[in-house]
Structure formats: C-alpha cells, structure tokens
Amino acid sequence: MALPPGPYAGTSTLSLVARASAFSFGLVYGSIKLKYLKAKAKSQRKLKQRLTAEARRFVHS
C-alpha cells in the first residue's frame, strides 16, 4: 500500500518552489562545506609539514 503523496510531491507551484529551494540550498551548503573541508585539509597538511621539519631538525641536532 503506497503512502499518499506529501504536500511537496505534486506539480503545484508550491511543490516546484519547494524543490527548487531545496536544490538551491543543497548547492550552497555543499559549496560552503567543500570550501571548509579544503581549507581544513590545507591547514592540516601545513601543520604536518611543519612538525616533520621540526622533527628532522631535532633528530639532526
């Protein structure tokens, strides 16, 4: 037995606007999250390089 369609599942203007808004929100959210994750990865890479360089200096001294 199938469930009745929800308020945003049809072809009404409200459902089209709701889907477009959800899609747009997803794009914006994904873009911001990707930028954040790239910045975080870059920061962690720099930290790892710095710690590796310091460890090498410590070993050689």
Protein backbone atom coordinates (compact mmCIF):
# COMPACT_ATOMS: atom_id res chain seq x y z
CA MET A 1 0.00 0.00 0.00
CA ALA A 2 1.56 3.28 -1.12
CA LEU A 3 1.54 6.34 1.09
CA PRO A 4 -0.35 9.37 -0.15
CA PRO A 5 1.91 11.98 -1.73
CA GLY A 6 3.21 14.71 0.56
CA PRO A 7 2.47 18.42 0.18
CA TYR A 8 5.62 18.98 -1.91
CA ALA A 9 5.39 15.90 -4.13
CA GLY A 10 2.98 17.15 -6.78
CA THR A 11 3.13 19.59 -9.66
CA SER A 12 1.70 22.60 -7.84
CA THR A 13 3.60 25.88 -7.74
CA LEU A 14 4.36 25.38 -4.07
CA SER A 15 5.90 21.97 -4.70
CA LEU A 16 8.02 23.29 -7.58
CA VAL A 17 9.24 26.22 -5.47
CA ALA A 18 9.95 23.91 -2.53
CA ARG A 19 12.01 21.54 -4.68
CA ALA A 20 13.90 24.40 -6.33
CA SER A 21 14.61 25.95 -2.94
CA ALA A 22 15.82 22.65 -1.52
CA PHE A 23 18.05 22.10 -4.55
CA SER A 24 19.49 25.62 -4.30
CA PHE A 25 20.07 25.24 -0.58
CA GLY A 26 21.86 21.94 -1.23
CA LEU A 27 24.16 23.56 -3.79
CA VAL A 28 25.03 26.46 -1.49
CA TYR A 29 25.51 24.21 1.53
CA GLY A 30 27.66 21.78 -0.45
CA SER A 31 29.79 24.59 -1.83
CA ILE A 32 30.41 26.08 1.62
CA LYS A 33 31.14 22.69 3.14
CA LEU A 34 33.60 21.85 0.35
CA LYS A 35 35.45 25.14 0.86
CA TYR A 36 35.63 24.47 4.60
CA LEU A 37 36.93 20.94 4.13
CA LYS A 38 39.54 22.07 1.60
CA ALA A 39 40.77 24.78 3.98
CA LYS A 40 40.88 22.30 6.86
CA ALA A 41 42.86 19.79 4.79
CA LYS A 42 45.30 22.50 3.71
CA SER A 43 45.78 23.58 7.33
CA GLN A 44 46.41 20.00 8.43
CA ARG A 45 48.91 19.48 5.59
CA LYS A 46 50.82 22.62 6.62
CA LEU A 47 50.86 21.51 10.26
CA LYS A 48 52.14 18.07 9.30
CA GLN A 49 54.90 19.60 7.16
CA ARG A 50 55.90 21.95 9.97
CA LEU A 51 56.01 19.13 12.52
CA THR A 52 58.01 16.92 10.15
CA ALA A 53 60.53 19.72 9.57
CA GLU A 54 60.87 20.32 13.31
CA ALA A 55 61.31 16.60 13.94
CA ARG A 56 64.08 16.46 11.34
CA ARG A 57 65.83 19.43 12.98
CA PHE A 58 65.51 17.75 16.37
CA VAL A 59 66.95 14.46 15.10
CA HIS A 60 69.88 16.15 13.37
CA SER A 61 70.83 18.32 16.34
